Amino acid sequence: MTSRRQVLKTLAAAPAATLATPWTAFAQGEYPARPIRLVVPFAAGSTPDVFARIVGERASQGLKQPVVVENRAGAGGNLGTDVVAKAAPDGYTIGASITGPLVNNVVLYRKMPYDPFRDLAPITFGVHQANVLAVTPSLGVNTLQELMDLLRRNPGRYNYASIGVGSLSHLSMELLKTLTHSYVVHVPYASSPAAVTSVIAGDTHMVSLAPLAVMPQVKAGRLKALAVSTAQRVPQMPEIPTFREAGLPMDGSAWIGLVAPAGTPAPILERLNHEFVAAMRDPATNEKLKSQYMEADPGTPAQFAAFMREELAKWGPVIKRSGATID
């Protein structure tokens, strides 16, 4: 386990939220004394939910207490993430959240119920996922270029589903619209299963979502995959080209990370970081994540905090250019 001196050095580079409470006198062995609630701000079956259940099950072994997943969907992930931000900073309520409620929503919402950079303490980065741009076969397109040509010829005729304003499923499509000078109507849904179902049912025409949500339908022939959002092709689906291969300079990850309420004592953050990092590095757990198209990349709280700010610098201008706002 990381020494206390090393952790102090790490936390010195972390945001003020992480340092809100000084080191306390209790020993790590006294925590946890009861089950830990892991709040997922999206519905059961969503990719953050799947991640939380896989990693939480393994982390519970090291913590020697159950990690109980609780789904609190709503408001683009803000509702559940706010539950974490306002929870007692005692290590018994933590969250698994994504780019919208942890980063992008600060640009989208005029008034947030919490400040992710002030009211949350990063525990560790979790996983990267590519987004897969998939369309209904009824569009009759086989490549991203064919889709772009279709959209340019028919501005406003087609729409796309997402899991909410500020998610990568929304922003990647908005960036695509900007780069290709096309116009597609945005239709947000509460979860990835709902968004995918809308395309299959014909209520929407396309969606850009994590592979776990899309690929089973692609393999069943109900959707057609055209491109992935990452800079490189995904090993589990090497036949799908990247956006860059189609000449569009864009890439992004539908990532998931773990957070705690600001003010959580440093020894508890250290313990949580240690156990969840160990869980993701466990070979069996890592294979489970890979089977769900998730690439684990755990690290220190400071590294996750820095990544969140990098994401804000990357996607904030995209949101502003799109003109998207909420409330």
Protein backbone atom coordinates (compact mmCIF):
# COMPACT_ATOMS: atom_id res chain seq x y z
CA MET A 1 0.00 0.00 0.00
CA THR A 2 1.15 3.54 -0.67
CA SER A 3 2.90 5.14 2.30
CA ARG A 4 1.36 8.06 4.16
CA ARG A 5 4.18 10.34 2.97
CA GLN A 6 3.50 9.38 -0.66
CA VAL A 7 -0.21 10.01 -0.26
CA LEU A 8 0.43 13.42 1.30
CA LYS A 9 2.63 14.29 -1.67
CA THR A 10 -0.13 13.17 -4.07
CA LEU A 11 -2.85 15.09 -2.29
CA ALA A 12 -0.74 18.24 -2.24
CA ALA A 13 -1.30 18.42 -5.98
CA ALA A 14 -5.03 17.68 -5.73
CA PRO A 15 -7.83 20.27 -5.71
CA ALA A 16 -8.83 21.97 -2.49
CA ALA A 17 -11.89 19.69 -2.20
CA THR A 18 -9.61 16.76 -1.53
CA LEU A 19 -7.84 18.61 1.28
CA ALA A 20 -10.90 19.91 3.08
CA THR A 21 -10.32 17.61 6.07
CA PRO A 22 -6.83 17.03 7.56
CA TRP A 23 -5.42 13.67 8.51
CA THR A 24 -7.37 12.21 11.41
CA ALA A 25 -6.18 10.11 14.29
CA PHE A 26 -8.11 6.93 13.52
CA ALA A 27 -6.38 3.91 12.02
CA GLN A 28 -7.23 2.55 8.60
CA GLY A 29 -8.22 -0.73 10.21
CA GLU A 30 -11.31 0.92 11.69
CA TYR A 31 -12.70 1.68 8.21
CA PRO A 32 -14.96 0.40 6.81
CA ALA A 33 -17.12 -0.91 9.62
CA ARG A 34 -20.30 -1.30 7.53
CA PRO A 35 -21.36 -1.63 3.86
CA ILE A 36 -20.39 1.11 1.40
CA ARG A 37 -23.01 2.66 -0.88
CA LEU A 38 -21.80 3.14 -4.47
CA VAL A 39 -24.19 5.55 -6.21
CA VAL A 40 -24.56 5.29 -9.99
CA PRO A 41 -26.34 8.33 -11.50
CA PHE A 42 -27.80 6.29 -14.36
CA ALA A 43 -30.21 3.40 -14.72
CA ALA A 44 -29.50 -0.28 -14.15
CA GLY A 45 -27.93 -1.81 -17.25
CA SER A 46 -26.12 1.39 -18.22
CA THR A 47 -22.35 1.23 -18.68
CA PRO A 48 -21.59 3.07 -15.39
CA ASP A 49 -23.86 0.55 -13.65
CA VAL A 50 -22.06 -2.42 -15.22
CA PHE A 51 -18.68 -0.93 -14.31
CA ALA A 52 -19.75 -0.25 -10.72
CA ARG A 53 -21.03 -3.78 -10.19
CA ILE A 54 -17.94 -5.46 -11.65
CA VAL A 55 -15.42 -3.33 -9.78
CA GLY A 56 -17.48 -2.99 -6.61
CA GLU A 57 -17.76 -6.75 -6.24
CA ARG A 58 -13.98 -7.16 -6.38
CA ALA A 59 -13.23 -4.13 -4.16
CA SER A 60 -15.55 -5.48 -1.47
CA GLN A 61 -13.12 -8.35 -0.95
CA GLY A 62 -10.30 -5.99 0.01
CA LEU A 63 -12.58 -3.68 1.97
CA LYS A 64 -14.11 -6.70 3.76
CA GLN A 65 -17.51 -5.04 3.51
CA PRO A 66 -20.18 -5.21 0.79
CA VAL A 67 -20.15 -2.47 -1.85
CA VAL A 68 -23.83 -1.91 -2.59
CA VAL A 69 -24.70 -0.28 -5.93
CA GLU A 70 -27.59 2.19 -5.84
CA ASN A 71 -29.02 3.64 -9.07
CA ARG A 72 -30.17 7.27 -8.83
CA ALA A 73 -30.83 8.33 -12.43
CA GLY A 74 -32.01 11.76 -13.56
CA ALA A 75 -30.99 15.25 -14.69
CA GLY A 76 -28.24 14.02 -16.98
CA GLY A 77 -26.46 12.30 -14.10
CA ASN A 78 -26.62 15.35 -11.83
CA LEU A 79 -29.19 13.86 -9.48
CA GLY A 80 -27.14 10.85 -8.39
CA THR A 81 -23.84 12.73 -8.42
CA ASP A 82 -25.41 15.39 -6.21
CA VAL A 83 -26.36 12.64 -3.75
CA VAL A 84 -22.66 11.85 -3.44
CA ALA A 85 -21.61 15.50 -3.21
CA LYS A 86 -24.04 16.11 -0.33
CA ALA A 87 -23.44 12.84 1.53
CA ALA A 88 -21.58 12.68 4.84
CA PRO A 89 -17.83 12.64 4.05
CA ASP A 90 -17.23 9.43 5.97
CA GLY A 91 -16.42 7.02 3.14
CA TYR A 92 -19.76 5.21 3.26
CA THR A 93 -21.24 6.95 0.20
CA ILE A 94 -19.17 7.17 -2.97
CA GLY A 95 -20.07 7.47 -6.65
CA ALA A 96 -19.28 6.10 -10.11
CA SER A 97 -19.91 8.89 -12.62
CA ILE A 98 -19.03 10.11 -16.11
CA THR A 99 -17.97 13.17 -18.07
CA GLY A 100 -21.34 14.97 -17.99
CA PRO A 101 -21.98 15.25 -14.24
CA LEU A 102 -18.27 15.35 -13.40
CA VAL A 103 -17.13 17.90 -15.99
CA ASN A 104 -19.33 19.12 -18.84
CA ASN A 105 -22.49 19.99 -16.97
CA VAL A 106 -20.76 22.96 -15.35
CA VAL A 107 -20.82 24.57 -18.81
CA LEU A 108 -24.30 23.37 -19.77
CA TYR A 109 -26.25 24.30 -16.65
CA ARG A 110 -26.71 27.89 -15.53
CA LYS A 111 -27.02 26.62 -11.97
CA MET A 112 -25.60 23.33 -10.76
CA PRO A 113 -26.69 21.74 -7.44
CA TYR A 114 -23.01 21.03 -6.75
CA ASP A 115 -19.57 21.98 -8.06
CA PRO A 116 -17.73 18.81 -9.16
CA PHE A 117 -14.35 20.51 -8.74
CA ARG A 118 -15.15 21.77 -5.23
CA ASP A 119 -17.72 19.39 -3.75
CA LEU A 120 -16.28 16.06 -4.86
CA ALA A 121 -12.99 14.34 -4.04
CA PRO A 122 -11.58 12.14 -6.84
CA ILE A 123 -10.79 8.56 -5.79
CA THR A 124 -9.45 7.12 -9.04
CA PHE A 125 -10.04 7.13 -12.77
CA GLY A 126 -11.89 4.00 -13.81
CA VAL A 127 -12.18 3.01 -17.44
CA HIS A 128 -12.07 4.35 -20.98
CA GLN A 129 -14.64 3.26 -23.54
CA ALA A 130 -14.93 4.08 -27.21
CA ASN A 131 -18.25 5.40 -28.41
CA VAL A 132 -19.64 3.59 -31.43
CA LEU A 133 -21.62 5.60 -33.98
CA ALA A 134 -24.40 3.28 -35.12
CA VAL A 135 -27.37 3.88 -37.41
CA THR A 136 -30.61 2.16 -38.27
CA PRO A 137 -30.09 -0.05 -41.36
CA SER A 138 -33.10 1.64 -42.95
CA LEU A 139 -30.92 4.71 -43.66
CA GLY A 140 -29.16 2.65 -46.32
CA VAL A 141 -25.65 3.92 -45.51
CA ASN A 142 -22.59 1.70 -45.05
CA THR A 143 -19.86 4.20 -44.20
CA LEU A 144 -19.46 7.37 -42.18
CA GLN A 145 -18.85 9.31 -45.39
CA GLU A 146 -22.14 8.08 -46.84
CA LEU A 147 -23.93 9.14 -43.65
CA MET A 148 -22.38 12.61 -43.78
CA ASP A 149 -23.41 13.02 -47.41
CA LEU A 150 -26.97 12.01 -46.52
CA LEU A 151 -27.15 14.47 -43.64
CA ARG A 152 -25.78 17.36 -45.70
CA ARG A 153 -28.39 16.76 -48.40
CA ASN A 154 -31.22 16.65 -45.85
CA PRO A 155 -30.60 19.20 -43.08
CA GLY A 156 -32.93 18.71 -40.11
CA ARG A 157 -34.63 15.62 -41.54
CA TYR A 158 -32.79 13.14 -39.31
CA ASN A 159 -32.23 12.93 -35.57
CA TYR A 160 -29.92 11.20 -33.11
CA ALA A 161 -30.41 9.76 -29.64
CA SER A 162 -28.11 10.38 -26.67
CA ILE A 163 -27.99 9.64 -22.94
CA GLY A 164 -28.34 13.32 -22.13
CA VAL A 165 -26.97 16.75 -22.86
CA GLY A 166 -23.28 16.93 -21.96
CA SER A 167 -22.57 13.22 -22.39
CA LEU A 168 -20.04 12.07 -24.97
CA SER A 169 -22.98 10.59 -26.88
CA HIS A 170 -24.22 14.18 -27.27
CA LEU A 171 -20.95 16.09 -27.67
CA SER A 172 -19.37 13.72 -30.19
CA MET A 173 -22.38 14.20 -32.46
CA GLU A 174 -22.35 17.97 -31.97
CA LEU A 175 -18.68 18.05 -32.91
CA LEU A 176 -19.44 15.84 -35.90
CA LYS A 177 -22.12 18.30 -37.01
CA THR A 178 -19.68 21.21 -36.71
CA LEU A 179 -16.91 19.47 -38.62
CA THR A 180 -19.19 18.36 -41.44
CA HIS A 181 -21.46 21.43 -41.61
CA SER A 182 -24.53 19.23 -41.23
CA TYR A 183 -27.59 19.49 -39.01
CA VAL A 184 -29.19 16.63 -37.06
CA VAL A 185 -31.83 16.99 -34.33
CA HIS A 186 -30.79 15.93 -30.82
CA VAL A 187 -33.17 13.69 -28.82
CA PRO A 188 -31.88 12.97 -25.27
CA TYR A 189 -32.89 9.87 -23.28
CA ALA A 190 -32.39 8.90 -19.65
CA SER A 191 -30.17 5.87 -20.29
CA SER A 192 -28.21 4.01 -22.96
CA PRO A 193 -30.76 1.15 -23.19
CA ALA A 194 -33.53 3.69 -23.82
CA ALA A 195 -31.47 5.51 -26.45
CA VAL A 196 -30.63 2.31 -28.32
CA THR A 197 -34.24 1.13 -28.16
CA SER A 198 -35.34 4.40 -29.75
CA VAL A 199 -33.13 3.77 -32.79
CA ILE A 200 -34.29 0.18 -33.14
CA ALA A 201 -37.92 1.29 -32.86
CA GLY A 202 -37.43 3.96 -35.53
CA ASP A 203 -38.05 6.92 -33.23
CA THR A 204 -34.48 8.13 -33.90
CA HIS A 205 -32.02 7.38 -36.68
CA MET A 206 -28.60 7.06 -35.06
CA VAL A 207 -26.73 7.00 -31.77
CA SER A 208 -23.15 7.29 -30.52
CA LEU A 209 -22.74 5.14 -27.41
CA ALA A 210 -20.37 2.82 -25.59
CA PRO A 211 -19.94 -0.61 -27.23
CA LEU A 212 -21.69 -2.43 -24.39
CA ALA A 213 -24.92 -0.66 -25.32
CA VAL A 214 -24.54 -0.86 -29.10
CA MET A 215 -22.62 -3.95 -30.19
CA PRO A 216 -25.15 -6.65 -29.20
CA GLN A 217 -27.66 -4.90 -31.49
CA VAL A 218 -25.04 -4.53 -34.23
CA LYS A 219 -24.29 -8.26 -34.07
CA ALA A 220 -28.02 -8.99 -34.21
CA GLY A 221 -28.35 -6.87 -37.37
CA ARG A 222 -30.65 -4.29 -35.77
CA LEU A 223 -28.03 -1.53 -35.98
CA LYS A 224 -25.09 -0.82 -38.29
CA ALA A 225 -21.81 0.41 -36.78
CA LEU A 226 -19.97 3.07 -38.81
CA ALA A 227 -17.14 4.44 -36.64
CA VAL A 228 -15.55 4.53 -33.18
CA SER A 229 -14.66 7.71 -31.30
CA THR A 230 -11.20 6.71 -30.06
CA ALA A 231 -7.96 7.60 -31.85
CA GLN A 232 -7.21 3.92 -32.50
CA ARG A 233 -9.45 1.03 -33.50
CA VAL A 234 -10.79 -1.05 -30.61
CA PRO A 235 -9.17 -4.52 -30.39
CA GLN A 236 -12.50 -6.23 -29.63
CA MET A 237 -14.07 -4.79 -32.81
CA PRO A 238 -11.18 -4.13 -35.23
CA GLU A 239 -13.47 -4.04 -38.26
CA ILE A 240 -14.95 -0.67 -37.24
CA PRO A 241 -12.88 2.34 -38.45
CA THR A 242 -12.19 5.48 -36.42
CA PHE A 243 -13.57 8.94 -37.14
CA ARG A 244 -10.02 10.03 -38.01
CA GLU A 245 -9.80 7.36 -40.68
CA ALA A 246 -12.81 8.99 -42.30
CA GLY A 247 -10.97 12.32 -42.29
CA LEU A 248 -12.63 13.84 -39.21
CA PRO A 249 -10.14 15.12 -36.59
CA MET A 250 -12.02 14.02 -33.49
CA ASP A 251 -11.63 11.46 -30.74
CA GLY A 252 -13.01 11.00 -27.26
CA SER A 253 -13.60 8.48 -24.51
CA ALA A 254 -16.83 7.63 -22.72
CA TRP A 255 -14.95 7.36 -19.44
CA ILE A 256 -16.08 6.48 -15.92
CA GLY A 257 -14.44 7.47 -12.62
CA LEU A 258 -14.94 7.10 -8.87
CA VAL A 259 -15.51 10.02 -6.51
CA ALA A 260 -16.31 10.72 -2.85
CA PRO A 261 -17.76 13.74 -1.06
CA ALA A 262 -15.30 16.58 -0.52
CA GLY A 263 -13.93 16.53 2.99
CA THR A 264 -13.60 12.75 3.12
CA PRO A 265 -10.61 12.10 5.42
CA ALA A 266 -7.37 11.39 3.59
CA PRO A 267 -6.85 7.92 5.14
CA ILE A 268 -10.27 6.86 3.84
CA LEU A 269 -9.53 8.21 0.35
CA GLU A 270 -6.22 6.34 0.46
CA ARG A 271 -7.96 3.10 1.42
CA LEU A 272 -10.64 3.50 -1.24
CA ASN A 273 -8.07 4.34 -3.88
CA HIS A 274 -5.95 1.34 -2.93
CA GLU A 275 -8.83 -1.15 -3.01
CA PHE A 276 -10.48 0.08 -6.21
CA VAL A 277 -7.16 0.34 -8.05
CA ALA A 278 -6.30 -3.19 -6.90
CA ALA A 279 -9.73 -4.35 -8.06
CA MET A 280 -9.23 -2.96 -11.57
CA ARG A 281 -5.73 -4.42 -11.77
CA ASP A 282 -6.91 -7.85 -10.69
CA PRO A 283 -6.50 -10.08 -13.79
CA ALA A 284 -9.95 -11.69 -13.49
CA THR A 285 -11.71 -8.35 -12.96
CA ASN A 286 -9.71 -6.74 -15.75
CA GLU A 287 -10.85 -9.47 -18.13
CA LYS A 288 -14.47 -8.89 -17.10
CA LEU A 289 -14.07 -5.21 -17.91
CA LYS A 290 -12.46 -5.97 -21.27
CA SER A 291 -15.34 -8.30 -22.11
CA GLN A 292 -17.57 -5.23 -21.73
CA TYR A 293 -15.28 -3.17 -24.03
CA MET A 294 -13.86 -1.24 -21.04
CA GLU A 295 -10.15 -0.43 -20.69
CA ALA A 296 -9.14 0.06 -17.06
CA ASP A 297 -6.73 2.92 -16.36
CA PRO A 298 -6.70 3.48 -12.57
CA GLY A 299 -4.34 5.91 -10.87
CA THR A 300 -4.01 8.50 -8.13
CA PRO A 301 -6.66 11.02 -7.06
CA ALA A 302 -4.42 13.81 -8.36
CA GLN A 303 -4.18 12.20 -11.79
CA PHE A 304 -7.95 11.89 -12.01
CA ALA A 305 -8.41 15.52 -10.90
CA ALA A 306 -5.98 16.69 -13.61
CA PHE A 307 -7.77 14.59 -16.23
CA MET A 308 -11.13 16.14 -15.32
CA ARG A 309 -9.72 19.62 -15.91
CA GLU A 310 -8.22 18.52 -19.23
CA GLU A 311 -11.64 17.24 -20.31
CA LEU A 312 -13.23 20.57 -19.37
CA ALA A 313 -10.68 22.40 -21.52
CA LYS A 314 -11.36 20.01 -24.41
CA TRP A 315 -15.16 19.83 -24.41
CA GLY A 316 -16.11 23.19 -22.90
CA PRO A 317 -15.51 25.03 -26.21
CA VAL A 318 -17.49 22.34 -28.10
CA ILE A 319 -20.47 22.88 -25.80
CA LYS A 320 -20.29 26.64 -26.20
CA ARG A 321 -20.07 26.41 -29.99
CA SER A 322 -23.07 24.10 -30.07
CA GLY A 323 -25.13 26.62 -28.10
CA ALA A 324 -26.48 23.83 -25.88
CA THR A 325 -27.78 24.91 -22.49
CA ILE A 326 -30.06 23.43 -19.85
CA ASP A 327 -32.52 25.37 -17.59
